[in-house]
Amino acid sequence: MPYELKTKSNESIESPFSSALDDEWKIKLYDDFTKGEINSALRTYHEYSQNFDKLEFFERIFKPTLNQIEKDFLNDKISMASQHVAVNVATILTRKIVEKQPTNVKYSDNF
């Protein structure tokens, strides 16, 4: 059964199946994204990645948070400006995470 949490700015995030701990991370990232706080978003990622790997961050926190931002925008819960800021911060965060990849990674021909 889904339940709803409120961010510091009183915006809601629905959580159909995630843990309460994941919800805390999503709320933090939601606020970071919509307020343009790239440094805070980076700290959020680094704190999360101390206990979980990058893939888990993207699947459990990042993607659901962006989906919620898009849903809130489509339902007029956040402004277009907030949605654009969030997407820009998410893009920068993704770039910074990917840049941390080792340069000697080899990919198969099928990739």
C-alpha atoms as a PDB file:
ATOM      1  CA  MET A   1       0.000   0.000   0.000  1.00  0.00           C
ATOM      2  CA  PRO A   2       1.531   3.351  -0.982  1.00  0.00           C
ATOM      3  CA  TYR A   3       2.143   6.015   1.576  1.00  0.00           C
ATOM      4  CA  GLU A   4       3.103   9.656   1.235  1.00  0.00           C
ATOM      5  CA  LEU A   5       5.977  11.580   2.763  1.00  0.00           C
ATOM      6  CA  LYS A   6       6.517  15.335   2.835  1.00  0.00           C
ATOM      7  CA  THR A   7       9.741  17.113   1.936  1.00  0.00           C
ATOM      8  CA  LYS A   8      10.999  20.083   3.916  1.00  0.00           C
ATOM      9  CA  SER A   9       9.227  22.318   1.423  1.00  0.00           C
ATOM     10  CA  ASN A  10       5.977  20.369   2.037  1.00  0.00           C
ATOM     11  CA  GLU A  11       6.036  18.560  -1.330  1.00  0.00           C
ATOM     12  CA  SER A  12       4.927  14.947  -1.283  1.00  0.00           C
ATOM     13  CA  ILE A  13       6.712  11.835  -2.450  1.00  0.00           C
ATOM     14  CA  GLU A  14       4.715   8.623  -2.831  1.00  0.00           C
ATOM     15  CA  SER A  15       6.427   5.412  -1.818  1.00  0.00           C
ATOM     16  CA  PRO A  16       4.683   2.321  -3.146  1.00  0.00           C
ATOM     17  CA  PHE A  17       7.252  -0.282  -2.116  1.00  0.00           C
ATOM     18  CA  SER A  18      10.447   1.223  -0.783  1.00  0.00           C
ATOM     19  CA  SER A  19      11.804   1.218   2.711  1.00  0.00           C
ATOM     20  CA  ALA A  20      11.561   4.146   5.089  1.00  0.00           C
ATOM     21  CA  LEU A  21      15.327   4.593   4.788  1.00  0.00           C
ATOM     22  CA  ASP A  22      15.058   4.862   1.002  1.00  0.00           C
ATOM     23  CA  ASP A  23      12.290   7.406   1.477  1.00  0.00           C
ATOM     24  CA  GLU A  24      14.569   9.582   3.583  1.00  0.00           C
ATOM     25  CA  TRP A  25      17.196   9.521   0.825  1.00  0.00           C
ATOM     26  CA  LYS A  26      14.563  10.304  -1.835  1.00  0.00           C
ATOM     27  CA  ILE A  27      13.252  13.269   0.134  1.00  0.00           C
ATOM     28  CA  LYS A  28      16.760  14.615   0.561  1.00  0.00           C
ATOM     29  CA  LEU A  29      17.562  14.191  -3.137  1.00  0.00           C
ATOM     30  CA  TYR A  30      14.183  15.666  -4.150  1.00  0.00           C
ATOM     31  CA  ASP A  31      14.958  18.791  -2.142  1.00  0.00           C
ATOM     32  CA  ASP A  32      18.519  18.940  -3.503  1.00  0.00           C
ATOM     33  CA  PHE A  33      17.305  18.628  -7.084  1.00  0.00           C
ATOM     34  CA  THR A  34      14.399  21.067  -6.947  1.00  0.00           C
ATOM     35  CA  LYS A  35      16.385  23.697  -5.031  1.00  0.00           C
ATOM     36  CA  GLY A  36      19.425  23.510  -7.299  1.00  0.00           C
ATOM     37  CA  GLU A  37      21.732  22.227  -4.577  1.00  0.00           C
ATOM     38  CA  ILE A  38      24.339  20.315  -6.589  1.00  0.00           C
ATOM     39  CA  ASN A  39      26.864  20.192  -3.729  1.00  0.00           C
ATOM     40  CA  SER A  40      24.227  18.838  -1.387  1.00  0.00           C
ATOM     41  CA  ALA A  41      23.159  16.294  -4.037  1.00  0.00           C
ATOM     42  CA  LEU A  42      26.790  15.168  -4.332  1.00  0.00           C
ATOM     43  CA  ARG A  43      27.008  14.814  -0.543  1.00  0.00           C
ATOM     44  CA  THR A  44      23.759  12.839  -0.565  1.00  0.00           C
ATOM     45  CA  TYR A  45      25.181  10.474  -3.186  1.00  0.00           C
ATOM     46  CA  HIS A  46      28.494  10.079  -1.344  1.00  0.00           C
ATOM     47  CA  GLU A  47      26.737   9.361   1.950  1.00  0.00           C
ATOM     48  CA  TYR A  48      24.451   6.810   0.299  1.00  0.00           C
ATOM     49  CA  SER A  49      27.321   5.171  -1.588  1.00  0.00           C
ATOM     50  CA  GLN A  50      29.144   4.429   1.657  1.00  0.00           C
ATOM     51  CA  ASN A  51      26.643   1.623   2.222  1.00  0.00           C
ATOM     52  CA  PHE A  52      25.255   0.885  -1.239  1.00  0.00           C
ATOM     53  CA  ASP A  53      26.679   0.675  -4.728  1.00  0.00           C
ATOM     54  CA  LYS A  54      26.122   3.072  -7.603  1.00  0.00           C
ATOM     55  CA  LEU A  55      23.534   0.898  -9.340  1.00  0.00           C
ATOM     56  CA  GLU A  56      21.440   0.703  -6.180  1.00  0.00           C
ATOM     57  CA  PHE A  57      21.594   4.484  -5.861  1.00  0.00           C
ATOM     58  CA  PHE A  58      20.326   4.972  -9.403  1.00  0.00           C
ATOM     59  CA  GLU A  59      17.623   2.298  -9.167  1.00  0.00           C
ATOM     60  CA  ARG A  60      16.372   2.873  -5.624  1.00  0.00           C
ATOM     61  CA  ILE A  61      16.859   6.613  -5.116  1.00  0.00           C
ATOM     62  CA  PHE A  62      17.747   8.594  -8.248  1.00  0.00           C
ATOM     63  CA  LYS A  63      15.236   7.204 -10.752  1.00  0.00           C
ATOM     64  CA  PRO A  64      12.210   7.178  -8.396  1.00  0.00           C
ATOM     65  CA  THR A  65      13.042  10.725  -7.296  1.00  0.00           C
ATOM     66  CA  LEU A  66      13.183  12.000 -10.881  1.00  0.00           C
ATOM     67  CA  ASN A  67       9.959  10.139 -11.664  1.00  0.00           C
ATOM     68  CA  GLN A  68       8.287  11.845  -8.705  1.00  0.00           C
ATOM     69  CA  ILE A  69       9.550  15.251  -9.817  1.00  0.00           C
ATOM     70  CA  GLU A  70       8.116  14.670 -13.288  1.00  0.00           C
ATOM     71  CA  LYS A  71       4.819  13.478 -11.811  1.00  0.00           C
ATOM     72  CA  ASP A  72       4.640  16.505  -9.517  1.00  0.00           C
ATOM     73  CA  PHE A  73       5.345  18.811 -12.459  1.00  0.00           C
ATOM     74  CA  LEU A  74       2.644  17.193 -14.592  1.00  0.00           C
ATOM     75  CA  ASN A  75       0.183  17.534 -11.696  1.00  0.00           C
ATOM     76  CA  ASP A  76       1.108  21.207 -11.159  1.00  0.00           C
ATOM     77  CA  LYS A  77       2.595  20.515  -7.719  1.00  0.00           C
ATOM     78  CA  ILE A  78       5.912  22.108  -8.704  1.00  0.00           C
ATOM     79  CA  SER A  79       6.698  24.815 -11.222  1.00  0.00           C
ATOM     80  CA  MET A  80       8.330  24.357 -14.604  1.00  0.00           C
ATOM     81  CA  ALA A  81      11.329  26.259 -13.243  1.00  0.00           C
ATOM     82  CA  SER A  82      11.725  23.783 -10.360  1.00  0.00           C
ATOM     83  CA  GLN A  83      11.419  20.866 -12.750  1.00  0.00           C
ATOM     84  CA  HIS A  84      14.083  22.336 -15.059  1.00  0.00           C
ATOM     85  CA  VAL A  85      16.409  23.051 -12.146  1.00  0.00           C
ATOM     86  CA  ALA A  86      15.923  19.478 -10.921  1.00  0.00           C
ATOM     87  CA  VAL A  87      16.742  17.974 -14.318  1.00  0.00           C
ATOM     88  CA  ASN A  88      19.845  20.154 -14.642  1.00  0.00           C
ATOM     89  CA  VAL A  89      21.109  19.194 -11.180  1.00  0.00           C
ATOM     90  CA  ALA A  90      20.368  15.513 -11.909  1.00  0.00           C
ATOM     91  CA  THR A  91      22.343  15.770 -15.160  1.00  0.00           C
ATOM     92  CA  ILE A  92      25.324  17.360 -13.418  1.00  0.00           C
ATOM     93  CA  LEU A  93      25.191  14.772 -10.632  1.00  0.00           C
ATOM     94  CA  THR A  94      25.106  11.920 -13.147  1.00  0.00           C
ATOM     95  CA  ARG A  95      28.056  13.390 -15.033  1.00  0.00           C
ATOM     96  CA  LYS A  96      30.084  13.757 -11.833  1.00  0.00           C
ATOM     97  CA  ILE A  97      29.304  10.191 -10.746  1.00  0.00           C
ATOM     98  CA  VAL A  98      30.228   8.777 -14.162  1.00  0.00           C
ATOM     99  CA  GLU A  99      33.460  10.808 -14.297  1.00  0.00           C
ATOM    100  CA  LYS A 100      34.573   8.943 -11.175  1.00  0.00           C
ATOM    101  CA  GLN A 101      34.681   5.718 -13.224  1.00  0.00           C
ATOM    102  CA  PRO A 102      38.170   4.300 -13.761  1.00  0.00           C
ATOM    103  CA  THR A 103      39.547   5.081 -17.204  1.00  0.00           C
ATOM    104  CA  ASN A 104      40.772   1.536 -17.801  1.00  0.00           C
ATOM    105  CA  VAL A 105      37.293  -0.004 -17.978  1.00  0.00           C
ATOM    106  CA  LYS A 106      36.956  -2.273 -21.007  1.00  0.00           C
ATOM    107  CA  TYR A 107      33.656  -2.894 -22.727  1.00  0.00           C
ATOM    108  CA  SER A 108      32.690  -5.867 -24.807  1.00  0.00           C
ATOM    109  CA  ASP A 109      32.035  -5.471 -28.519  1.00  0.00           C
ATOM    110  CA  ASN A 110      28.321  -5.953 -27.817  1.00  0.00           C
ATOM    111  CA  PHE A 111      28.143  -2.874 -25.611  1.00  0.00           C
END
